[in-house]
């Protein structure tokens, strides 16, 4: 997954960090919104929320995986 930040940086994040996204069909992956005034990404159909701060800190899926990715 590639995330482009407002300052022009691009952040590449392996979907393996987020198993629910990794296993989701393409149409559901493409159905997301930027949430929290730009602080997160939300997939309503998948009930998945990811914070941009968490991505920058290297956190993966903290709900199902208690480890951090760095």
C-alpha atoms as a PDB file:
ATOM      1  CA  UNK A   1       0.000   0.000   0.000  1.00  0.00           C
ATOM      2  CA  UNK A   2       1.324   3.438  -0.899  1.00  0.00           C
ATOM      3  CA  UNK A   3       0.248   6.481   1.086  1.00  0.00           C
ATOM      4  CA  UNK A   4       1.072   9.972  -0.159  1.00  0.00           C
ATOM      5  CA  UNK A   5       1.331  12.543   2.611  1.00  0.00           C
ATOM      6  CA  UNK A   6       0.407  16.207   2.219  1.00  0.00           C
ATOM      7  CA  UNK A   7       4.080  17.211   2.410  1.00  0.00           C
ATOM      8  CA  UNK A   8       4.833  15.095  -0.675  1.00  0.00           C
ATOM      9  CA  UNK A   9       6.408  12.118   1.077  1.00  0.00           C
ATOM     10  CA  UNK A  10       5.287   8.675  -0.019  1.00  0.00           C
ATOM     11  CA  UNK A  11       5.114   5.868   2.471  1.00  0.00           C
ATOM     12  CA  UNK A  12       5.135   2.243   1.346  1.00  0.00           C
ATOM     13  CA  UNK A  13       3.501  -0.164   3.787  1.00  0.00           C
ATOM     14  CA  UNK A  14       3.314  -3.943   3.235  1.00  0.00           C
ATOM     15  CA  UNK A  15      -0.267  -5.185   3.360  1.00  0.00           C
ATOM     16  CA  UNK A  16       1.112  -8.100   5.356  1.00  0.00           C
ATOM     17  CA  UNK A  17       1.090  -5.672   8.315  1.00  0.00           C
ATOM     18  CA  UNK A  18      -2.706  -5.612   7.993  1.00  0.00           C
ATOM     19  CA  UNK A  19      -4.021  -9.155   7.396  1.00  0.00           C
ATOM     20  CA  UNK A  20      -7.610  -8.001   6.924  1.00  0.00           C
ATOM     21  CA  UNK A  21      -6.509  -5.758   4.041  1.00  0.00           C
ATOM     22  CA  UNK A  22      -4.205  -8.419   2.634  1.00  0.00           C
ATOM     23  CA  UNK A  23      -7.094 -10.880   2.366  1.00  0.00           C
ATOM     24  CA  UNK A  24      -9.683  -8.377   1.085  1.00  0.00           C
ATOM     25  CA  UNK A  25     -10.887  -8.436  -2.520  1.00  0.00           C
ATOM     26  CA  UNK A  26      -9.661  -5.569  -4.699  1.00  0.00           C
ATOM     27  CA  UNK A  27     -13.047  -3.771  -4.962  1.00  0.00           C
ATOM     28  CA  UNK A  28     -13.293  -3.555  -1.176  1.00  0.00           C
ATOM     29  CA  UNK A  29      -9.693  -2.317  -0.882  1.00  0.00           C
ATOM     30  CA  UNK A  30     -10.439   0.491  -3.299  1.00  0.00           C
ATOM     31  CA  UNK A  31     -13.466   1.609  -1.278  1.00  0.00           C
ATOM     32  CA  UNK A  32     -11.807   3.755   1.408  1.00  0.00           C
ATOM     33  CA  UNK A  33     -12.073   7.295   2.736  1.00  0.00           C
ATOM     34  CA  UNK A  34      -9.564   9.623   4.333  1.00  0.00           C
ATOM     35  CA  UNK A  35     -10.835  10.092   7.876  1.00  0.00           C
ATOM     36  CA  UNK A  36     -10.185  12.296  10.870  1.00  0.00           C
ATOM     37  CA  UNK A  37      -9.380  15.373   8.812  1.00  0.00           C
ATOM     38  CA  UNK A  38      -6.529  13.542   7.104  1.00  0.00           C
ATOM     39  CA  UNK A  39      -5.223  11.602  10.095  1.00  0.00           C
ATOM     40  CA  UNK A  40      -6.431   8.178   9.042  1.00  0.00           C
ATOM     41  CA  UNK A  41      -7.752   5.812   6.402  1.00  0.00           C
ATOM     42  CA  UNK A  42     -11.091   4.037   6.838  1.00  0.00           C
ATOM     43  CA  UNK A  43     -12.557   1.030   4.990  1.00  0.00           C
ATOM     44  CA  UNK A  44     -16.226   0.874   5.980  1.00  0.00           C
ATOM     45  CA  UNK A  45     -16.946  -2.494   4.312  1.00  0.00           C
ATOM     46  CA  UNK A  46     -13.920  -4.042   6.012  1.00  0.00           C
ATOM     47  CA  UNK A  47     -14.409  -2.269   9.373  1.00  0.00           C
ATOM     48  CA  UNK A  48     -10.740  -1.250   9.236  1.00  0.00           C
ATOM     49  CA  UNK A  49      -9.155   1.998  10.408  1.00  0.00           C
ATOM     50  CA  UNK A  50      -5.479   2.892  10.119  1.00  0.00           C
ATOM     51  CA  UNK A  51      -3.918   6.016  11.563  1.00  0.00           C
ATOM     52  CA  UNK A  52      -1.280   7.847   9.566  1.00  0.00           C
ATOM     53  CA  UNK A  53       0.654   8.419  12.791  1.00  0.00           C
ATOM     54  CA  UNK A  54       0.708   4.658  13.388  1.00  0.00           C
ATOM     55  CA  UNK A  55       2.016   4.055   9.869  1.00  0.00           C
ATOM     56  CA  UNK A  56       4.788   6.600  10.386  1.00  0.00           C
ATOM     57  CA  UNK A  57       5.716   4.900  13.659  1.00  0.00           C
ATOM     58  CA  UNK A  58       5.823   1.520  11.911  1.00  0.00           C
ATOM     59  CA  UNK A  59       2.812  -0.012  13.647  1.00  0.00           C
ATOM     60  CA  UNK A  60       0.989  -2.851  11.966  1.00  0.00           C
ATOM     61  CA  UNK A  61      -2.380  -4.300  12.920  1.00  0.00           C
ATOM     62  CA  UNK A  62      -2.386  -3.653  16.647  1.00  0.00           C
ATOM     63  CA  UNK A  63      -5.779  -5.230  17.180  1.00  0.00           C
ATOM     64  CA  UNK A  64      -4.827  -8.719  16.028  1.00  0.00           C
ATOM     65  CA  UNK A  65      -1.045  -8.521  16.394  1.00  0.00           C
ATOM     66  CA  UNK A  66       0.489  -7.101  19.532  1.00  0.00           C
ATOM     67  CA  UNK A  67       3.896  -6.657  17.902  1.00  0.00           C
ATOM     68  CA  UNK A  68       5.054  -3.506  16.183  1.00  0.00           C
ATOM     69  CA  UNK A  69       6.659  -3.437  12.791  1.00  0.00           C
ATOM     70  CA  UNK A  70       9.757  -1.337  12.394  1.00  0.00           C
END
